[in-house]
Protein backbone atom coordinates (compact mmCIF):
# COMPACT_ATOMS: atom_id res chain seq x y z
CA MET A 1 -0.05 -0.02 -0.02
CA ALA A 2 1.41 3.35 -1.07
CA LEU A 3 1.78 6.14 1.49
CA PRO A 4 -0.26 9.28 0.85
CA ALA A 5 1.62 12.14 -0.73
CA GLU A 6 2.68 14.84 1.63
CA SER A 7 0.40 17.92 1.32
CA TYR A 8 1.75 21.38 0.47
CA PRO A 9 1.60 22.70 4.06
CA GLU A 10 3.10 19.55 5.48
CA ARG A 11 5.97 19.68 3.01
CA ARG A 12 6.55 23.36 3.57
CA ASP A 13 6.43 22.99 7.39
CA SER A 14 8.86 20.05 7.17
CA ILE A 15 11.36 21.92 5.08
CA TYR A 16 11.08 24.94 7.37
CA ARG A 17 11.72 22.77 10.46
CA ASP A 18 14.74 21.20 8.68
CA LEU A 19 16.22 24.62 7.71
CA MET A 20 15.70 25.99 11.23
CA SER A 21 17.30 23.05 12.86
CA HIS A 22 20.46 24.00 10.93
CA ALA A 23 20.01 27.73 11.41
CA ARG A 24 22.95 29.78 12.85
CA GLY A 25 20.81 32.08 14.88
CA LEU A 26 21.20 35.04 12.57
CA PRO A 27 18.56 37.77 12.19
CA ASN A 28 17.33 36.65 8.80
CA ASP A 29 17.33 32.95 9.48
CA ALA A 30 13.59 32.45 10.23
CA THR A 31 12.40 34.80 7.45
CA LEU A 32 14.62 33.19 4.84
CA ALA A 33 13.66 29.76 6.07
CA CYS A 34 9.94 30.68 5.42
CA ILE A 35 10.85 31.90 1.92
CA CYS A 36 12.93 28.95 1.13
CA ALA A 37 10.46 26.38 2.47
CA THR A 38 7.54 27.93 0.50
CA TRP A 39 9.60 28.16 -2.64
CA ALA A 40 10.91 24.56 -2.36
CA SER A 41 7.32 23.39 -1.86
CA GLY A 42 6.09 25.16 -4.99
CA GLY A 43 4.45 28.12 -3.33
CA GLY A 44 5.22 31.78 -3.80
CA ALA A 45 6.13 33.33 -7.13
CA LEU A 46 9.91 33.24 -7.04
CA PRO A 47 11.68 31.71 -10.10
CA ASP A 48 14.66 29.32 -10.15
CA PHE A 49 16.98 29.82 -7.17
CA MET A 50 14.56 32.30 -5.82
CA GLY A 51 15.85 34.88 -8.29
CA LEU A 52 19.44 34.73 -7.17
CA ALA A 53 22.40 33.57 -9.19
CA THR A 54 23.01 29.80 -8.64
CA LEU A 55 26.15 30.50 -6.63
CA ASP A 56 24.47 33.13 -4.54
CA PHE A 57 21.57 30.79 -3.77
CA HIS A 58 23.81 28.06 -2.54
CA GLN A 59 25.95 30.56 -0.59
CA LEU A 60 22.78 31.80 1.13
CA LEU A 61 21.84 28.25 2.24
CA VAL A 62 25.28 27.49 3.49
CA TYR A 63 25.57 30.82 5.31
CA HIS A 64 22.24 30.58 7.06
CA PHE A 65 21.61 26.83 7.22
CA PRO A 66 24.88 24.83 7.09
CA GLY A 67 24.30 21.14 6.75
CA ALA A 68 20.55 21.49 5.77
CA VAL A 69 19.13 19.17 3.13
CA PRO A 70 19.79 20.80 -0.28
CA LEU A 71 16.75 22.49 -1.87
CA ALA A 72 15.70 22.19 -5.48
CA GLU A 73 12.73 23.65 -7.25
CA CYS A 74 12.77 24.73 -10.87
CA ARG A 75 10.14 27.08 -12.15
CA GLY A 76 11.63 29.35 -14.80
CA VAL A 77 13.79 32.37 -15.06
CA ARG A 78 13.26 36.05 -14.41
CA ALA A 79 11.79 38.34 -17.04
CA PRO A 80 14.67 40.01 -18.81
CA GLU A 81 12.34 42.69 -20.35
CA ARG A 82 12.01 44.18 -16.87
CA ALA A 83 15.72 44.39 -16.05
CA ASP A 84 15.73 48.19 -15.87
CA GLU A 85 12.89 48.07 -13.36
CA MET A 86 14.67 45.49 -11.32
CA ARG A 87 17.94 47.45 -11.28
CA GLU A 88 15.99 50.56 -9.89
CA ILE A 89 14.25 48.53 -7.10
CA ARG A 90 17.40 46.75 -6.19
CA ALA A 91 19.30 50.12 -6.02
CA LEU A 92 16.63 51.53 -3.79
CA LEU A 93 16.80 48.61 -1.38
CA LEU A 94 20.63 48.61 -1.21
CA HIS A 95 20.80 52.37 -0.72
CA HIS A 96 18.87 51.70 2.52
CA ARG A 97 20.46 48.50 3.70
CA ALA A 98 21.30 48.23 7.33
CA GLY A 99 24.84 47.07 6.67
CA GLN A 100 24.70 44.54 9.48
CA CYS A 101 24.69 41.20 7.59
CA PRO A 102 25.90 39.95 4.13
CA SER A 103 22.49 38.36 3.61
CA GLU A 104 20.99 41.91 3.14
CA ILE A 105 22.25 41.81 -0.52
CA TRP A 106 20.54 38.38 -1.13
CA VAL A 107 17.37 39.64 0.50
CA ALA A 108 17.48 42.75 -1.70
CA ASP A 109 17.77 40.44 -4.74
CA ILE A 110 14.95 38.15 -3.62
CA VAL A 111 12.65 41.08 -2.81
CA THR A 112 13.39 42.72 -6.14
CA THR A 113 12.56 39.50 -8.00
CA ALA A 114 9.30 39.09 -6.08
CA CYS A 115 8.31 42.57 -7.02
CA MET A 116 7.98 41.33 -10.60
CA ALA A 117 5.10 39.00 -9.68
CA GLY A 118 1.47 39.98 -9.38
CA ASN A 119 0.30 39.42 -5.80
CA HIS A 120 1.04 41.14 -2.62
CA LEU A 121 4.77 41.16 -1.98
CA TRP A 122 4.64 38.95 1.17
CA GLN A 123 2.74 36.41 -0.92
CA ASP A 124 5.06 36.49 -3.91
CA LEU A 125 8.00 36.08 -1.49
CA GLY A 126 6.33 33.00 0.07
CA LEU A 127 6.17 34.55 3.45
CA TRP A 128 3.35 33.47 5.81
CA SER A 129 2.12 36.91 6.79
CA ARG A 130 2.41 40.51 5.90
CA ARG A 131 3.99 41.14 9.35
CA GLN A 132 6.96 38.99 8.41
CA LEU A 133 7.54 41.18 5.40
CA SER A 134 7.38 44.36 7.57
CA GLU A 135 9.88 42.87 9.93
CA LEU A 136 12.18 41.75 7.03
CA MET A 137 12.05 45.27 5.53
CA THR A 138 12.73 46.95 8.98
CA ARG A 139 15.68 44.62 9.75
CA ASN A 140 17.34 44.82 6.33
CA PHE A 141 16.32 48.23 5.05
CA PRO A 142 15.54 50.29 8.14
CA THR A 143 15.67 53.83 6.68
CA LEU A 144 13.43 52.84 3.93
CA ALA A 145 10.98 51.02 6.22
CA ALA A 146 10.86 54.06 8.55
CA GLN A 147 9.53 56.12 5.59
CA ASN A 148 6.49 53.76 5.23
CA VAL A 149 4.70 55.73 8.07
CA LYS A 150 1.16 55.03 6.79
CA ASP A 151 1.89 51.24 6.56
CA MET A 152 1.28 51.16 2.81
CA LYS A 153 1.42 47.78 1.17
CA TRP A 154 5.11 47.10 0.58
CA LYS A 155 5.21 46.62 -3.17
CA LYS A 156 3.11 49.73 -3.78
CA PHE A 157 5.34 51.55 -1.38
CA LEU A 158 8.54 50.60 -3.20
CA TYR A 159 7.00 51.59 -6.51
CA ARG A 160 5.84 54.85 -5.05
CA GLN A 161 9.37 55.54 -3.98
CA LEU A 162 10.59 55.00 -7.56
CA CYS A 163 7.90 57.29 -8.93
CA THR A 164 8.58 59.99 -6.43
CA ALA A 165 12.31 59.84 -7.37
CA GLU A 166 11.26 60.44 -10.98
CA GLY A 167 9.00 63.23 -10.13
CA ILE A 168 5.81 61.25 -10.81
CA HIS A 169 3.57 61.88 -7.85
CA VAL A 170 0.25 60.38 -8.96
CA CYS A 171 1.38 56.84 -9.61
CA ARG A 172 -1.50 54.36 -9.04
CA ALA A 173 0.15 51.35 -10.83
CA PRO A 174 0.80 48.29 -8.62
CA SER A 175 4.11 47.83 -10.51
CA CYS A 176 6.07 49.75 -13.06
CA ASP A 177 5.24 47.25 -15.79
CA ALA A 178 1.55 48.37 -15.62
CA CYS A 179 2.30 52.16 -15.50
CA ILE A 180 1.78 54.38 -18.52
CA ASP A 181 4.88 56.35 -17.44
CA TYR A 182 7.18 53.32 -17.67
CA PRO A 183 9.18 54.77 -20.60
CA ALA A 184 9.79 58.02 -18.63
CA CYS A 185 11.29 56.04 -15.67
CA PHE A 186 12.94 53.11 -17.39
CA GLY A 187 13.50 54.28 -21.06
CA ARG A 188 16.85 53.34 -22.66
CA GLN A 189 19.50 55.89 -21.95
CA GLY A 190 20.98 57.28 -25.15
């Protein structure tokens, strides 16, 4: 008699527990374990290697969860047509990074990649609550998080920051890809 297949939440929780049993006790461990467990279980919206370069993905796992069972999930690659948008979001995040941990750069890359998907940022990242995203933003990008005084949804807040930097103050688009002013913000430089 065959054993029943493990359900999505059971698989995700099992991966999370394994990662946390190998965690080093670093500030981003639990949040990254959630993201990794969701991604490895087929949830969230992150592409191959959670949007990181292959080497960076493996370094993240070794840095935060040495000795954990290797993770593998293939879903496709990032959309190259949005590379300009991604560079801008990444630059915004890195400009505000706390400078406390090397994983802030990986987190910036993962958040940037998740911004290209269509749901709330916490869902696209594979986090289990919006609160986890607020904690991640505050821990990794504190000066940026401090500017979100009205608790705006994070993806919208990030895009609003980009629009404001370009002098566009009426942006209502959930992402730059859907905005009519996209060419003004991300047009090719001559």
